[in-house]
Protein backbone atom coordinates (compact mmCIF):
# COMPACT_ATOMS: atom_id res chain seq x y z
CA MET A 1 -34.84 -23.57 -47.87
CA THR A 2 -33.16 -22.53 -50.92
CA ARG A 3 -35.76 -23.33 -53.38
CA GLU A 4 -38.36 -21.25 -51.07
CA ALA A 5 -35.42 -18.04 -51.69
CA PHE A 6 -36.00 -18.53 -54.96
CA GLU A 7 -39.79 -18.87 -54.65
CA ASP A 8 -39.88 -15.27 -52.78
CA ASN A 9 -37.29 -13.81 -54.39
CA LYS A 10 -38.47 -14.15 -57.83
CA VAL A 11 -35.53 -15.40 -58.41
CA ARG A 12 -35.03 -15.75 -62.77
CA ASN A 13 -32.81 -19.00 -62.39
CA THR A 14 -34.36 -22.33 -62.68
CA LEU A 15 -33.94 -23.77 -59.88
CA HIS A 16 -33.11 -27.36 -60.35
CA VAL A 17 -32.23 -29.34 -56.36
CA VAL A 18 -31.14 -33.00 -55.73
CA THR A 19 -30.62 -34.38 -52.69
CA ASN A 20 -27.15 -35.77 -52.25
CA GLY A 21 -23.68 -35.88 -54.02
CA VAL A 22 -24.21 -39.03 -56.10
CA ASP A 23 -27.56 -37.47 -58.07
CA ALA A 24 -25.21 -34.55 -58.14
CA MET A 25 -22.68 -36.19 -60.12
CA ALA A 26 -25.63 -38.04 -61.97
CA PHE A 27 -27.83 -34.64 -63.14
CA LEU A 28 -24.71 -33.06 -64.33
CA ARG A 29 -23.70 -35.45 -66.01
CA LYS A 30 -27.28 -36.22 -67.83
CA GLU A 31 -27.05 -39.86 -66.13
CA GLY A 32 -30.16 -42.28 -65.80
CA ASP A 33 -32.92 -40.61 -64.42
CA HIS A 34 -31.30 -37.59 -65.22
CA ALA A 35 -30.82 -37.94 -69.31
CA GLY A 36 -32.84 -35.00 -69.78
CA ALA A 37 -31.25 -32.91 -67.37
CA PRO A 38 -29.84 -29.59 -68.84
CA THR A 39 -26.71 -28.10 -67.83
CA PRO A 40 -26.55 -25.61 -65.44
CA ASP A 41 -25.24 -21.78 -65.66
CA LEU A 42 -24.09 -22.37 -61.69
CA VAL A 43 -24.11 -24.72 -58.92
CA LEU A 44 -25.17 -23.77 -55.69
CA LEU A 45 -23.04 -26.69 -53.34
CA ASP A 46 -23.39 -27.93 -49.81
CA LEU A 47 -20.90 -29.32 -48.11
CA ASN A 48 -22.56 -31.23 -46.22
CA LEU A 49 -24.44 -33.61 -48.73
CA PRO A 50 -24.60 -37.18 -48.35
CA ARG A 51 -23.78 -40.16 -50.11
CA MET A 52 -20.76 -38.09 -51.38
CA ASP A 53 -20.09 -34.65 -50.25
CA GLY A 54 -19.49 -31.40 -51.38
CA ARG A 55 -15.97 -31.71 -51.86
CA GLU A 56 -16.34 -34.36 -53.49
CA VAL A 57 -18.55 -33.19 -55.74
CA LEU A 58 -16.58 -30.54 -56.36
CA ALA A 59 -13.40 -32.59 -56.79
CA ALA A 60 -15.42 -34.61 -59.80
CA VAL A 61 -16.75 -31.18 -61.40
CA LYS A 62 -13.58 -29.44 -61.29
CA ASP A 63 -11.50 -32.97 -62.84
CA ASP A 64 -14.52 -32.91 -65.66
CA PRO A 65 -13.36 -31.26 -68.74
CA GLU A 66 -17.25 -31.14 -69.31
CA LEU A 67 -17.98 -29.76 -66.83
CA ARG A 68 -15.26 -27.19 -64.37
CA ARG A 69 -16.44 -24.57 -66.52
CA ILE A 70 -19.62 -24.48 -64.38
CA PRO A 71 -19.12 -22.24 -61.84
CA VAL A 72 -19.64 -23.14 -57.96
CA VAL A 73 -20.85 -21.51 -55.09
CA VAL A 74 -20.66 -22.77 -51.99
CA LEU A 75 -23.00 -22.25 -50.31
CA THR A 76 -23.05 -24.20 -46.91
CA THR A 77 -23.29 -23.92 -43.36
CA SER A 78 -20.08 -24.32 -42.62
CA GLU A 79 -17.87 -21.07 -41.22
CA ALA A 80 -14.03 -23.66 -41.06
CA GLU A 81 -12.08 -21.88 -42.83
CA GLU A 82 -10.01 -25.05 -43.48
CA ASP A 83 -13.67 -25.51 -45.93
CA VAL A 84 -12.74 -22.27 -46.66
CA LEU A 85 -9.85 -23.09 -47.79
CA ARG A 86 -10.46 -26.49 -49.39
CA SER A 87 -13.22 -24.83 -51.70
CA TYR A 88 -10.73 -22.65 -53.43
CA SER A 89 -7.97 -24.97 -53.87
CA LEU A 90 -10.39 -27.85 -55.66
CA HIS A 91 -11.32 -24.47 -57.36
CA ALA A 92 -14.78 -23.19 -56.31
CA ASN A 93 -15.51 -20.07 -57.90
CA ALA A 94 -16.79 -18.82 -54.68
CA TYR A 95 -18.14 -19.53 -50.62
CA VAL A 96 -20.85 -17.83 -49.11
CA THR A 97 -21.97 -19.61 -45.53
CA LYS A 98 -25.64 -19.76 -45.07
CA PRO A 99 -27.00 -17.37 -42.94
CA VAL A 100 -29.56 -19.01 -40.23
CA ASP A 101 -32.00 -15.80 -40.40
CA PHE A 102 -33.57 -16.70 -43.55
CA GLU A 103 -34.30 -13.06 -44.42
CA ARG A 104 -30.90 -12.43 -44.36
CA PHE A 105 -30.89 -15.64 -46.73
CA ILE A 106 -33.17 -14.84 -48.79
CA ASP A 107 -30.32 -11.45 -49.51
CA VAL A 108 -27.49 -14.08 -50.04
CA VAL A 109 -30.01 -15.51 -53.14
CA ARG A 110 -30.44 -12.38 -54.72
CA GLN A 111 -27.78 -11.22 -54.68
CA ILE A 112 -25.68 -14.58 -56.04
CA ASP A 113 -28.65 -14.31 -58.48
CA ASP A 114 -27.79 -11.04 -58.68
CA PHE A 115 -23.57 -11.51 -59.73
CA PHE A 116 -24.15 -14.17 -61.86
CA VAL A 117 -26.55 -13.37 -63.51
CA SER A 118 -25.81 -9.34 -64.23
CA VAL A 119 -22.49 -9.02 -63.43
CA VAL A 120 -20.54 -12.16 -64.19
CA ARG A 121 -20.19 -12.70 -68.00
CA LEU A 122 -20.31 -16.97 -68.31
CA PRO A 123 -19.46 -18.70 -71.40
CA ARG A 124 -22.25 -20.35 -73.91
CA GLY A 125 -23.79 -23.37 -73.09
């Protein structure tokens, strides 16, 4: 759904998708099949990932001196206050609940893209 929203919305960033938390960490650390992966400017992270859930990925990213500067936006279906609190305590940069309606989801993706591309100044590479 996120990939489709990026395509429909003509989002200015390149989207790389992994399907589980183990692959997410391998991508971010440029390991194995992801040895040539670029360092992302932003991570959109679902909490409900298989093999290593999003909370574990977030903790690992923010504990890693090489990765912790990358902004992480938790983009998930959970509206649970405990997930919001835990994500921020693990140093998520934002927590966004995915809307169920696709048109609203496209709007949310556009707003995230606009904010992190046009408004926020991020550290270089």
